[in-house]
Amino acid sequence: MSSGHLACVEDLWFREVLLGEYGDLPGLGPDAGEDDEFRVDGVPLAELLDRYEAACARSDAAIATRDLDDTGSTAIHSVGDATLRWMVHHMLEETARHAGHLDLVRELLDGETGYF
């Protein structure tokens, strides 16, 4: 589930907000429905992982073309003065939060903690 969401938020911040281009993943663009990025029933895990890897590659390419103090485009989203620095920090938090969620689920399933 998170791979669909994380791929979308990568594209949201670094494609739609930073570059001002509509993303084409479920959950993005002008025709997106609410929570579409979480609706992954029937989508193979390999496809979700490929989406996330491709979104991260697009993010890396967009980040490489800008300065950390550059602000995002307001063409699609009203982001005010959100800088690339803030966006990168936000995505670090977002990704870490979901990794923590997945670790908790894994611990519930296998009963093991992740400490050694």
PDB file of N, CA and C in Angstrom:
ATOM      1  N   MET A   1       0.817  -1.192   0.000  1.00  0.00           N
ATOM      2  CA  MET A   1       0.000   0.000   0.000  1.00  0.00           C
ATOM      3  C   MET A   1       0.855   1.246   0.000  1.00  0.00           C
ATOM      4  N   SER A   2       1.858   1.298   0.819  1.00  0.00           N
ATOM      5  CA  SER A   2       2.668   2.508   0.895  1.00  0.00           C
ATOM      6  C   SER A   2       3.423   2.801  -0.392  1.00  0.00           C
ATOM      7  N   SER A   3       3.781   1.786  -1.143  1.00  0.00           N
ATOM      8  CA  SER A   3       4.507   2.049  -2.387  1.00  0.00           C
ATOM      9  C   SER A   3       3.680   2.888  -3.344  1.00  0.00           C
ATOM     10  N   GLY A   4       2.368   2.661  -3.397  1.00  0.00           N
ATOM     11  CA  GLY A   4       1.519   3.495  -4.235  1.00  0.00           C
ATOM     12  C   GLY A   4       1.481   4.922  -3.703  1.00  0.00           C
ATOM     13  N   HIS A   5       1.317   5.060  -2.416  1.00  0.00           N
ATOM     14  CA  HIS A   5       1.259   6.381  -1.797  1.00  0.00           C
ATOM     15  C   HIS A   5       2.602   7.089  -1.884  1.00  0.00           C
ATOM     16  N   LEU A   6       3.677   6.415  -1.553  1.00  0.00           N
ATOM     17  CA  LEU A   6       4.987   7.072  -1.583  1.00  0.00           C
ATOM     18  C   LEU A   6       5.389   7.472  -2.996  1.00  0.00           C
ATOM     19  N   ALA A   7       5.063   6.664  -3.985  1.00  0.00           N
ATOM     20  CA  ALA A   7       5.341   7.054  -5.372  1.00  0.00           C
ATOM     21  C   ALA A   7       4.570   8.329  -5.713  1.00  0.00           C
ATOM     22  N   CYS A   8       3.330   8.401  -5.269  1.00  0.00           N
ATOM     23  CA  CYS A   8       2.516   9.594  -5.543  1.00  0.00           C
ATOM     24  C   CYS A   8       3.060  10.828  -4.860  1.00  0.00           C
ATOM     25  N   VAL A   9       3.469  10.716  -3.607  1.00  0.00           N
ATOM     26  CA  VAL A   9       3.955  11.918  -2.938  1.00  0.00           C
ATOM     27  C   VAL A   9       5.308  12.352  -3.489  1.00  0.00           C
ATOM     28  N   GLU A  10       6.119  11.413  -3.963  1.00  0.00           N
ATOM     29  CA  GLU A  10       7.354  11.797  -4.661  1.00  0.00           C
ATOM     30  C   GLU A  10       6.999  12.657  -5.868  1.00  0.00           C
ATOM     31  N   ASP A  11       6.072  12.167  -6.692  1.00  0.00           N
ATOM     32  CA  ASP A  11       5.683  12.919  -7.887  1.00  0.00           C
ATOM     33  C   ASP A  11       4.936  14.202  -7.524  1.00  0.00           C
ATOM     34  N   LEU A  12       4.146  14.167  -6.463  1.00  0.00           N
ATOM     35  CA  LEU A  12       3.425  15.375  -6.069  1.00  0.00           C
ATOM     36  C   LEU A  12       4.420  16.488  -5.744  1.00  0.00           C
ATOM     37  N   TRP A  13       5.388  16.217  -4.881  1.00  0.00           N
ATOM     38  CA  TRP A  13       6.295  17.281  -4.450  1.00  0.00           C
ATOM     39  C   TRP A  13       7.335  17.657  -5.495  1.00  0.00           C
ATOM     40  N   PHE A  14       7.900  16.666  -6.186  1.00  0.00           N
ATOM     41  CA  PHE A  14       9.023  16.988  -7.071  1.00  0.00           C
ATOM     42  C   PHE A  14       8.633  17.126  -8.535  1.00  0.00           C
ATOM     43  N   ARG A  15       7.461  16.672  -8.904  1.00  0.00           N
ATOM     44  CA  ARG A  15       6.992  16.850 -10.281  1.00  0.00           C
ATOM     45  C   ARG A  15       5.923  17.946 -10.342  1.00  0.00           C
ATOM     46  N   GLU A  16       4.870  17.766  -9.536  1.00  0.00           N
ATOM     47  CA  GLU A  16       3.783  18.740  -9.594  1.00  0.00           C
ATOM     48  C   GLU A  16       4.154  20.054  -8.909  1.00  0.00           C
ATOM     49  N   VAL A  17       4.711  19.991  -7.705  1.00  0.00           N
ATOM     50  CA  VAL A  17       5.019  21.222  -6.979  1.00  0.00           C
ATOM     51  C   VAL A  17       6.308  21.862  -7.479  1.00  0.00           C
ATOM     52  N   LEU A  18       7.395  21.105  -7.542  1.00  0.00           N
ATOM     53  CA  LEU A  18       8.668  21.703  -7.939  1.00  0.00           C
ATOM     54  C   LEU A  18       8.671  22.114  -9.407  1.00  0.00           C
ATOM     55  N   LEU A  19       8.253  21.206 -10.293  1.00  0.00           N
ATOM     56  CA  LEU A  19       8.335  21.477 -11.733  1.00  0.00           C
ATOM     57  C   LEU A  19       7.063  22.060 -12.337  1.00  0.00           C
ATOM     58  N   GLY A  20       5.931  21.937 -11.636  1.00  0.00           N
ATOM     59  CA  GLY A  20       4.674  22.454 -12.180  1.00  0.00           C
ATOM     60  C   GLY A  20       4.090  21.594 -13.277  1.00  0.00           C
ATOM     61  N   GLU A  21       4.406  20.290 -13.277  1.00  0.00           N
ATOM     62  CA  GLU A  21       3.892  19.341 -14.275  1.00  0.00           C
ATOM     63  C   GLU A  21       2.950  18.358 -13.594  1.00  0.00           C
ATOM     64  N   TYR A  22       1.832  18.031 -14.245  1.00  0.00           N
ATOM     65  CA  TYR A  22       0.943  17.022 -13.673  1.00  0.00           C
ATOM     66  C   TYR A  22       1.614  15.659 -13.698  1.00  0.00           C
ATOM     67  N   GLY A  23       1.475  14.948 -12.590  1.00  0.00           N
ATOM     68  CA  GLY A  23       1.915  13.559 -12.543  1.00  0.00           C
ATOM     69  C   GLY A  23       0.846  12.674 -13.151  1.00  0.00           C
ATOM     70  N   ASP A  24       1.226  11.446 -13.525  1.00  0.00           N
ATOM     71  CA  ASP A  24       0.255  10.561 -14.156  1.00  0.00           C
ATOM     72  C   ASP A  24      -0.022   9.295 -13.357  1.00  0.00           C
ATOM     73  N   LEU A  25       0.463   9.225 -12.135  1.00  0.00           N
ATOM     74  CA  LEU A  25       0.168   8.075 -11.288  1.00  0.00           C
ATOM     75  C   LEU A  25      -1.248   8.194 -10.722  1.00  0.00           C
ATOM     76  N   PRO A  26      -1.864   7.060 -10.358  1.00  0.00           N
ATOM     77  CA  PRO A  26      -3.175   7.137  -9.697  1.00  0.00           C
ATOM     78  C   PRO A  26      -3.061   8.012  -8.443  1.00  0.00           C
ATOM     79  N   GLY A  27      -3.976   8.950  -8.307  1.00  0.00           N
ATOM     80  CA  GLY A  27      -3.952   9.858  -7.169  1.00  0.00           C
ATOM     81  C   GLY A  27      -3.422  11.233  -7.522  1.00  0.00           C
ATOM     82  N   LEU A  28      -2.917  11.401  -8.740  1.00  0.00           N
ATOM     83  CA  LEU A  28      -2.376  12.684  -9.182  1.00  0.00           C
ATOM     84  C   LEU A  28      -3.143  13.189 -10.394  1.00  0.00           C
ATOM     85  N   GLY A  29      -2.920  14.431 -10.725  1.00  0.00           N
ATOM     86  CA  GLY A  29      -3.537  15.006 -11.914  1.00  0.00           C
ATOM     87  C   GLY A  29      -4.913  15.572 -11.624  1.00  0.00           C
ATOM     88  N   PRO A  30      -5.461  16.277 -12.599  1.00  0.00           N
ATOM     89  CA  PRO A  30      -6.732  16.987 -12.385  1.00  0.00           C
ATOM     90  C   PRO A  30      -7.930  16.066 -12.188  1.00  0.00           C
ATOM     91  N   ASP A  31      -7.847  14.816 -12.625  1.00  0.00           N
ATOM     92  CA  ASP A  31      -8.986  13.896 -12.516  1.00  0.00           C
ATOM     93  C   ASP A  31      -8.847  12.903 -11.372  1.00  0.00           C
ATOM     94  N   ALA A  32      -7.877  13.109 -10.497  1.00  0.00           N
ATOM     95  CA  ALA A  32      -7.627  12.168  -9.409  1.00  0.00           C
ATOM     96  C   ALA A  32      -8.786  12.140  -8.423  1.00  0.00           C
ATOM     97  N   GLY A  33      -9.118  10.932  -8.018  1.00  0.00           N
ATOM     98  CA  GLY A  33     -10.123  10.769  -6.974  1.00  0.00           C
ATOM     99  C   GLY A  33      -9.459  10.774  -5.609  1.00  0.00           C
ATOM    100  N   GLU A  34     -10.265  10.991  -4.589  1.00  0.00           N
ATOM    101  CA  GLU A  34      -9.729  11.024  -3.232  1.00  0.00           C
ATOM    102  C   GLU A  34      -9.126   9.667  -2.864  1.00  0.00           C
ATOM    103  N   ASP A  35      -7.904   9.700  -2.388  1.00  0.00           N
ATOM    104  CA  ASP A  35      -7.181   8.515  -1.911  1.00  0.00           C
ATOM    105  C   ASP A  35      -6.903   7.474  -2.999  1.00  0.00           C
ATOM    106  N   ASP A  36      -6.887   7.868  -4.282  1.00  0.00           N
ATOM    107  CA  ASP A  36      -6.612   6.915  -5.361  1.00  0.00           C
ATOM    108  C   ASP A  36      -5.262   6.224  -5.191  1.00  0.00           C
ATOM    109  N   GLU A  37      -4.278   6.933  -4.606  1.00  0.00           N
ATOM    110  CA  GLU A  37      -2.949   6.328  -4.472  1.00  0.00           C
ATOM    111  C   GLU A  37      -2.935   5.165  -3.475  1.00  0.00           C
ATOM    112  N   PHE A  38      -3.986   5.049  -2.656  1.00  0.00           N
ATOM    113  CA  PHE A  38      -4.072   3.946  -1.701  1.00  0.00           C
ATOM    114  C   PHE A  38      -4.842   2.753  -2.260  1.00  0.00           C
ATOM    115  N   ARG A  39      -5.481   2.917  -3.388  1.00  0.00           N
ATOM    116  CA  ARG A  39      -6.296   1.848  -3.975  1.00  0.00           C
ATOM    117  C   ARG A  39      -5.411   0.998  -4.891  1.00  0.00           C
ATOM    118  N   VAL A  40      -4.846  -0.045  -4.319  1.00  0.00           N
ATOM    119  CA  VAL A  40      -3.889  -0.854  -5.060  1.00  0.00           C
ATOM    120  C   VAL A  40      -4.309  -2.313  -5.180  1.00  0.00           C
ATOM    121  N   ASP A  41      -5.568  -2.614  -4.855  1.00  0.00           N
ATOM    122  CA  ASP A  41      -6.045  -3.990  -5.004  1.00  0.00           C
ATOM    123  C   ASP A  41      -5.840  -4.443  -6.442  1.00  0.00           C
ATOM    124  N   GLY A  42      -5.266  -5.618  -6.605  1.00  0.00           N
ATOM    125  CA  GLY A  42      -5.055  -6.177  -7.930  1.00  0.00           C
ATOM    126  C   GLY A  42      -3.794  -5.689  -8.628  1.00  0.00           C
ATOM    127  N   VAL A  43      -3.069  -4.761  -8.023  1.00  0.00           N
ATOM    128  CA  VAL A  43      -1.817  -4.281  -8.614  1.00  0.00           C
ATOM    129  C   VAL A  43      -0.679  -5.115  -8.026  1.00  0.00           C
ATOM    130  N   PRO A  44       0.082  -5.823  -8.862  1.00  0.00           N
ATOM    131  CA  PRO A  44       1.160  -6.659  -8.339  1.00  0.00           C
ATOM    132  C   PRO A  44       2.207  -5.828  -7.585  1.00  0.00           C
ATOM    133  N   LEU A  45       2.762  -6.421  -6.545  1.00  0.00           N
ATOM    134  CA  LEU A  45       3.772  -5.743  -5.751  1.00  0.00           C
ATOM    135  C   LEU A  45       4.934  -5.272  -6.626  1.00  0.00           C
ATOM    136  N   ALA A  46       5.346  -6.076  -7.583  1.00  0.00           N
ATOM    137  CA  ALA A  46       6.461  -5.691  -8.462  1.00  0.00           C
ATOM    138  C   ALA A  46       6.142  -4.389  -9.200  1.00  0.00           C
ATOM    139  N   GLU A  47       4.890  -4.215  -9.621  1.00  0.00           N
ATOM    140  CA  GLU A  47       4.502  -2.988 -10.311  1.00  0.00           C
ATOM    141  C   GLU A  47       4.536  -1.787  -9.363  1.00  0.00           C
ATOM    142  N   LEU A  48       4.076  -1.968  -8.126  1.00  0.00           N
ATOM    143  CA  LEU A  48       4.122  -0.888  -7.139  1.00  0.00           C
ATOM    144  C   LEU A  48       5.565  -0.481  -6.851  1.00  0.00           C
ATOM    145  N   LEU A  49       6.435  -1.458  -6.718  1.00  0.00           N
ATOM    146  CA  LEU A  49       7.840  -1.160  -6.463  1.00  0.00           C
ATOM    147  C   LEU A  49       8.481  -0.464  -7.662  1.00  0.00           C
ATOM    148  N   ASP A  50       8.122  -0.893  -8.877  1.00  0.00           N
ATOM    149  CA  ASP A  50       8.622  -0.215 -10.086  1.00  0.00           C
ATOM    150  C   ASP A  50       8.140   1.234 -10.142  1.00  0.00           C
ATOM    151  N   ARG A  51       6.879   1.478  -9.770  1.00  0.00           N
ATOM    152  CA  ARG A  51       6.346   2.842  -9.737  1.00  0.00           C
ATOM    153  C   ARG A  51       7.149   3.712  -8.766  1.00  0.00           C
ATOM    154  N   TYR A  52       7.419   3.153  -7.600  1.00  0.00           N
ATOM    155  CA  TYR A  52       8.150   3.915  -6.582  1.00  0.00           C
ATOM    156  C   TYR A  52       9.579   4.197  -7.044  1.00  0.00           C
ATOM    157  N   GLU A  53      10.238   3.195  -7.601  1.00  0.00           N
ATOM    158  CA  GLU A  53      11.604   3.390  -8.095  1.00  0.00           C
ATOM    159  C   GLU A  53      11.643   4.437  -9.204  1.00  0.00           C
ATOM    160  N   ALA A  54      10.681   4.391 -10.112  1.00  0.00           N
ATOM    161  CA  ALA A  54      10.627   5.372 -11.206  1.00  0.00           C
ATOM    162  C   ALA A  54      10.338   6.768 -10.666  1.00  0.00           C
ATOM    163  N   ALA A  55       9.436   6.871  -9.692  1.00  0.00           N
ATOM    164  CA  ALA A  55       9.126   8.179  -9.097  1.00  0.00           C
ATOM    165  C   ALA A  55      10.357   8.751  -8.401  1.00  0.00           C
ATOM    166  N   CYS A  56      11.099   7.909  -7.689  1.00  0.00           N
ATOM    167  CA  CYS A  56      12.320   8.382  -7.017  1.00  0.00           C
ATOM    168  C   CYS A  56      13.359   8.840  -8.038  1.00  0.00           C
ATOM    169  N   ALA A  57      13.465   8.144  -9.150  1.00  0.00           N
ATOM    170  CA  ALA A  57      14.409   8.552 -10.203  1.00  0.00           C
ATOM    171  C   ALA A  57      13.995   9.908 -10.787  1.00  0.00           C
ATOM    172  N   ARG A  58      12.683  10.113 -10.996  1.00  0.00           N
ATOM    173  CA  ARG A  58      12.206  11.412 -11.484  1.00  0.00           C
ATOM    174  C   ARG A  58      12.498  12.508 -10.451  1.00  0.00           C
ATOM    175  N   SER A  59      12.287  12.190  -9.175  1.00  0.00           N
ATOM    176  CA  SER A  59      12.572  13.165  -8.117  1.00  0.00           C
ATOM    177  C   SER A  59      14.042  13.535  -8.104  1.00  0.00           C
ATOM    178  N   ASP A  60      14.916  12.527  -8.168  1.00  0.00           N
ATOM    179  CA  ASP A  60      16.361  12.787  -8.167  1.00  0.00           C
ATOM    180  C   ASP A  60      16.758  13.680  -9.334  1.00  0.00           C
ATOM    181  N   ALA A  61      16.188  13.414 -10.505  1.00  0.00           N
ATOM    182  CA  ALA A  61      16.508  14.217 -11.687  1.00  0.00           C
ATOM    183  C   ALA A  61      16.022  15.660 -11.518  1.00  0.00           C
ATOM    184  N   ALA A  62      14.827  15.836 -10.963  1.00  0.00           N
ATOM    185  CA  ALA A  62      14.293  17.191 -10.757  1.00  0.00           C
ATOM    186  C   ALA A  62      15.111  17.947  -9.717  1.00  0.00           C
ATOM    187  N   ILE A  63      15.463  17.279  -8.636  1.00  0.00           N
ATOM    188  CA  ILE A  63      16.253  17.900  -7.573  1.00  0.00           C
ATOM    189  C   ILE A  63      17.611  18.343  -8.100  1.00  0.00           C
ATOM    190  N   ALA A  64      18.202  17.535  -8.961  1.00  0.00           N
ATOM    191  CA  ALA A  64      19.539  17.836  -9.491  1.00  0.00           C
ATOM    192  C   ALA A  64      19.569  19.104 -10.332  1.00  0.00           C
ATOM    193  N   THR A  65      18.403  19.547 -10.821  1.00  0.00           N
ATOM    194  CA  THR A  65      18.366  20.729 -11.688  1.00  0.00           C
ATOM    195  C   THR A  65      18.115  22.016 -10.920  1.00  0.00           C
ATOM    196  N   ARG A  66      17.928  21.934  -9.618  1.00  0.00           N
ATOM    197  CA  ARG A  66      17.524  23.096  -8.829  1.00  0.00           C
ATOM    198  C   ARG A  66      18.446  23.335  -7.650  1.00  0.00           C
ATOM    199  N   ASP A  67      18.346  24.528  -7.105  1.00  0.00           N
ATOM    200  CA  ASP A  67      19.040  24.899  -5.885  1.00  0.00           C
ATOM    201  C   ASP A  67      18.108  24.628  -4.706  1.00  0.00           C
ATOM    202  N   LEU A  68      18.655  24.274  -3.559  1.00  0.00           N
ATOM    203  CA  LEU A  68      17.824  23.965  -2.399  1.00  0.00           C
ATOM    204  C   LEU A  68      16.962  25.136  -1.937  1.00  0.00           C
ATOM    205  N   ASP A  69      17.342  26.346  -2.276  1.00  0.00           N
ATOM    206  CA  ASP A  69      16.546  27.510  -1.894  1.00  0.00           C
ATOM    207  C   ASP A  69      15.504  27.905  -2.932  1.00  0.00           C
ATOM    208  N   ASP A  70      15.448  27.201  -4.072  1.00  0.00           N
ATOM    209  CA  ASP A  70      14.412  27.457  -5.074  1.00  0.00           C
ATOM    210  C   ASP A  70      13.050  27.108  -4.499  1.00  0.00           C
ATOM    211  N   THR A  71      12.037  27.849  -4.888  1.00  0.00           N
ATOM    212  CA  THR A  71      10.675  27.554  -4.448  1.00  0.00           C
ATOM    213  C   THR A  71       9.935  26.801  -5.543  1.00  0.00           C
ATOM    214  N   GLY A  72       8.873  26.134  -5.128  1.00  0.00           N
ATOM    215  CA  GLY A  72       8.081  25.358  -6.064  1.00  0.00           C
ATOM    216  C   GLY A  72       7.196  26.224  -6.929  1.00  0.00           C
ATOM    217  N   SER A  73       6.624  25.589  -7.924  1.00  0.00           N
ATOM    218  CA  SER A  73       5.674  26.246  -8.815  1.00  0.00           C
ATOM    219  C   SER A  73       4.313  26.305  -8.143  1.00  0.00           C
ATOM    220  N   THR A  74       3.570  27.339  -8.394  1.00  0.00           N
ATOM    221  CA  THR A  74       2.192  27.411  -7.891  1.00  0.00           C
ATOM    222  C   THR A  74       1.188  27.144  -9.007  1.00  0.00           C
ATOM    223  N   ALA A  75       1.664  26.613 -10.138  1.00  0.00           N
ATOM    224  CA  ALA A  75       0.783  26.347 -11.276  1.00  0.00           C
ATOM    225  C   ALA A  75      -0.301  25.317 -10.939  1.00  0.00           C
ATOM    226  N   ILE A  76       0.024  24.332 -10.123  1.00  0.00           N
ATOM    227  CA  ILE A  76      -0.927  23.267  -9.793  1.00  0.00           C
ATOM    228  C   ILE A  76      -1.355  23.331  -8.335  1.00  0.00           C
ATOM    229  N   HIS A  77      -0.417  23.564  -7.450  1.00  0.00           N
ATOM    230  CA  HIS A  77      -0.688  23.580  -6.009  1.00  0.00           C
ATOM    231  C   HIS A  77      -0.243  24.906  -5.411  1.00  0.00           C
ATOM    232  N   SER A  78      -1.035  25.421  -4.519  1.00  0.00           N
ATOM    233  CA  SER A  78      -0.664  26.652  -3.820  1.00  0.00           C
ATOM    234  C   SER A  78       0.265  26.281  -2.673  1.00  0.00           C
ATOM    235  N   VAL A  79       1.572  26.446  -2.905  1.00  0.00           N
ATOM    236  CA  VAL A  79       2.555  26.015  -1.906  1.00  0.00           C
ATOM    237  C   VAL A  79       3.254  27.183  -1.240  1.00  0.00           C
ATOM    238  N   GLY A  80       2.858  28.378  -1.576  1.00  0.00           N
ATOM    239  CA  GLY A  80       3.483  29.536  -0.959  1.00  0.00           C
ATOM    240  C   GLY A  80       4.974  29.563  -1.214  1.00  0.00           C
ATOM    241  N   ASP A  81       5.734  29.662  -0.156  1.00  0.00           N
ATOM    242  CA  ASP A  81       7.189  29.770  -0.268  1.00  0.00           C
ATOM    243  C   ASP A  81       7.912  28.459   0.017  1.00  0.00           C
ATOM    244  N   ALA A  82       7.284  27.327  -0.224  1.00  0.00           N
ATOM    245  CA  ALA A  82       7.936  26.039   0.033  1.00  0.00           C
ATOM    246  C   ALA A  82       9.188  25.923  -0.829  1.00  0.00           C
ATOM    247  N   THR A  83      10.317  25.759  -0.166  1.00  0.00           N
ATOM    248  CA  THR A  83      11.580  25.620  -0.890  1.00  0.00           C
ATOM    249  C   THR A  83      11.863  24.147  -1.172  1.00  0.00           C
ATOM    250  N   LEU A  84      12.769  23.910  -2.096  1.00  0.00           N
ATOM    251  CA  LEU A  84      13.202  22.547  -2.363  1.00  0.00           C
ATOM    252  C   LEU A  84      13.784  21.935  -1.098  1.00  0.00           C
ATOM    253  N   ARG A  85      14.508  22.705  -0.318  1.00  0.00           N
ATOM    254  CA  ARG A  85      15.061  22.212   0.951  1.00  0.00           C
ATOM    255  C   ARG A  85      13.932  21.673   1.840  1.00  0.00           C
ATOM    256  N   TRP A  86      12.835  22.449   1.962  1.00  0.00           N
ATOM    257  CA  TRP A  86      11.704  22.017   2.773  1.00  0.00           C
ATOM    258  C   TRP A  86      11.085  20.749   2.199  1.00  0.00           C
ATOM    259  N   MET A  87      10.947  20.691   0.858  1.00  0.00           N
ATOM    260  CA  MET A  87      10.346  19.521   0.210  1.00  0.00           C
ATOM    261  C   MET A  87      11.167  18.263   0.467  1.00  0.00           C
ATOM    262  N   VAL A  88      12.480  18.372   0.344  1.00  0.00           N
ATOM    263  CA  VAL A  88      13.353  17.212   0.590  1.00  0.00           C
ATOM    264  C   VAL A  88      13.215  16.769   2.045  1.00  0.00           C
ATOM    265  N   HIS A  89      13.232  17.722   2.959  1.00  0.00           N
ATOM    266  CA  HIS A  89      13.077  17.390   4.380  1.00  0.00           C
ATOM    267  C   HIS A  89      11.724  16.730   4.638  1.00  0.00           C
ATOM    268  N   HIS A  90      10.676  17.275   4.043  1.00  0.00           N
ATOM    269  CA  HIS A  90       9.337  16.700   4.205  1.00  0.00           C
ATOM    270  C   HIS A  90       9.305  15.263   3.699  1.00  0.00           C
ATOM    271  N   MET A  91       9.918  15.008   2.550  1.00  0.00           N
ATOM    272  CA  MET A  91       9.902  13.647   2.000  1.00  0.00           C
ATOM    273  C   MET A  91      10.746  12.689   2.830  1.00  0.00           C
ATOM    274  N   LEU A  92      11.813  13.166   3.436  1.00  0.00           N
ATOM    275  CA  LEU A  92      12.568  12.312   4.367  1.00  0.00           C
ATOM    276  C   LEU A  92      11.669  11.891   5.533  1.00  0.00           C
ATOM    277  N   GLU A  93      10.926  12.857   6.082  1.00  0.00           N
ATOM    278  CA  GLU A  93       9.995  12.548   7.175  1.00  0.00           C
ATOM    279  C   GLU A  93       8.900  11.586   6.723  1.00  0.00           C
ATOM    280  N   GLU A  94       8.328  11.863   5.568  1.00  0.00           N
ATOM    281  CA  GLU A  94       7.237  11.035   5.044  1.00  0.00           C
ATOM    282  C   GLU A  94       7.693   9.592   4.835  1.00  0.00           C
ATOM    283  N   THR A  95       8.839   9.429   4.208  1.00  0.00           N
ATOM    284  CA  THR A  95       9.354   8.092   3.928  1.00  0.00           C
ATOM    285  C   THR A  95       9.709   7.366   5.219  1.00  0.00           C
ATOM    286  N   ALA A  96      10.350   8.062   6.151  1.00  0.00           N
ATOM    287  CA  ALA A  96      10.716   7.447   7.426  1.00  0.00           C
ATOM    288  C   ALA A  96       9.474   7.031   8.208  1.00  0.00           C
ATOM    289  N   ARG A  97       8.447   7.870   8.187  1.00  0.00           N
ATOM    290  CA  ARG A  97       7.209   7.558   8.901  1.00  0.00           C
ATOM    291  C   ARG A  97       6.613   6.256   8.368  1.00  0.00           C
ATOM    292  N   HIS A  98       6.547   6.123   7.044  1.00  0.00           N
ATOM    293  CA  HIS A  98       5.953   4.920   6.469  1.00  0.00           C
ATOM    294  C   HIS A  98       6.846   3.703   6.661  1.00  0.00           C
ATOM    295  N   ALA A  99       8.150   3.892   6.646  1.00  0.00           N
ATOM    296  CA  ALA A  99       9.049   2.769   6.932  1.00  0.00           C
ATOM    297  C   ALA A  99       8.820   2.278   8.361  1.00  0.00           C
ATOM    298  N   GLY A 100       8.592   3.201   9.285  1.00  0.00           N
ATOM    299  CA  GLY A 100       8.281   2.822  10.659  1.00  0.00           C
ATOM    300  C   GLY A 100       6.969   2.061  10.754  1.00  0.00           C
ATOM    301  N   HIS A 101       5.965   2.503   9.993  1.00  0.00           N
ATOM    302  CA  HIS A 101       4.688   1.781   9.980  1.00  0.00           C
ATOM    303  C   HIS A 101       4.895   0.352   9.494  1.00  0.00           C
ATOM    304  N   LEU A 102       5.649   0.210   8.419  1.00  0.00           N
ATOM    305  CA  LEU A 102       5.879  -1.130   7.869  1.00  0.00           C
ATOM    306  C   LEU A 102       6.656  -2.008   8.839  1.00  0.00           C
ATOM    307  N   ASP A 103       7.597  -1.412   9.569  1.00  0.00           N
ATOM    308  CA  ASP A 103       8.358  -2.174  10.548  1.00  0.00           C
ATOM    309  C   ASP A 103       7.453  -2.658  11.680  1.00  0.00           C
ATOM    310  N   LEU A 104       6.523  -1.811  12.106  1.00  0.00           N
ATOM    311  CA  LEU A 104       5.574  -2.233  13.143  1.00  0.00           C
ATOM    312  C   LEU A 104       4.705  -3.398  12.665  1.00  0.00           C
ATOM    313  N   VAL A 105       4.230  -3.325  11.432  1.00  0.00           N
ATOM    314  CA  VAL A 105       3.426  -4.412  10.878  1.00  0.00           C
ATOM    315  C   VAL A 105       4.257  -5.691  10.816  1.00  0.00           C
ATOM    316  N   ARG A 106       5.503  -5.567  10.354  1.00  0.00           N
ATOM    317  CA  ARG A 106       6.363  -6.742  10.290  1.00  0.00           C
ATOM    318  C   ARG A 106       6.558  -7.350  11.669  1.00  0.00           C
ATOM    319  N   GLU A 107       6.790  -6.505  12.687  1.00  0.00           N
ATOM    320  CA  GLU A 107       6.958  -7.014  14.046  1.00  0.00           C
ATOM    321  C   GLU A 107       5.695  -7.730  14.531  1.00  0.00           C
ATOM    322  N   LEU A 108       4.524  -7.203  14.179  1.00  0.00           N
ATOM    323  CA  LEU A 108       3.283  -7.872  14.560  1.00  0.00           C
ATOM    324  C   LEU A 108       3.156  -9.234  13.889  1.00  0.00           C
ATOM    325  N   LEU A 109       3.655  -9.340  12.669  1.00  0.00           N
ATOM    326  CA  LEU A 109       3.551 -10.602  11.932  1.00  0.00           C
ATOM    327  C   LEU A 109       4.558 -11.645  12.391  1.00  0.00           C
ATOM    328  N   ASP A 110       5.815 -11.225  12.623  1.00  0.00           N
ATOM    329  CA  ASP A 110       6.827 -12.240  12.952  1.00  0.00           C
ATOM    330  C   ASP A 110       7.276 -12.224  14.418  1.00  0.00           C
ATOM    331  N   GLY A 111       6.823 -11.242  15.186  1.00  0.00           N
ATOM    332  CA  GLY A 111       7.139 -11.207  16.598  1.00  0.00           C
ATOM    333  C   GLY A 111       8.572 -10.811  16.923  1.00  0.00           C
ATOM    334  N   GLU A 112       9.360 -10.495  15.932  1.00  0.00           N
ATOM    335  CA  GLU A 112      10.758 -10.130  16.134  1.00  0.00           C
ATOM    336  C   GLU A 112      10.920  -8.620  16.122  1.00  0.00           C
ATOM    337  N   THR A 113      11.826  -8.120  16.932  1.00  0.00           N
ATOM    338  CA  THR A 113      12.149  -6.710  16.874  1.00  0.00           C
ATOM    339  C   THR A 113      13.316  -6.517  15.916  1.00  0.00           C
ATOM    340  N   GLY A 114      13.487  -5.298  15.456  1.00  0.00           N
ATOM    341  CA  GLY A 114      14.517  -5.040  14.451  1.00  0.00           C
ATOM    342  C   GLY A 114      15.861  -4.660  15.008  1.00  0.00           C
ATOM    343  N   TYR A 115      16.142  -4.999  16.262  1.00  0.00           N
ATOM    344  CA  TYR A 115      17.390  -4.582  16.886  1.00  0.00           C
ATOM    345  C   TYR A 115      18.451  -5.654  16.847  1.00  0.00           C
ATOM    346  N   PHE A 116      19.058  -6.078  15.996  1.00  0.00           N
ATOM    347  CA  PHE A 116      20.140  -7.077  15.956  1.00  0.00           C
ATOM    348  C   PHE A 116      19.614  -8.392  15.529  1.00  0.00           C
TER     349      PHE A 116
END
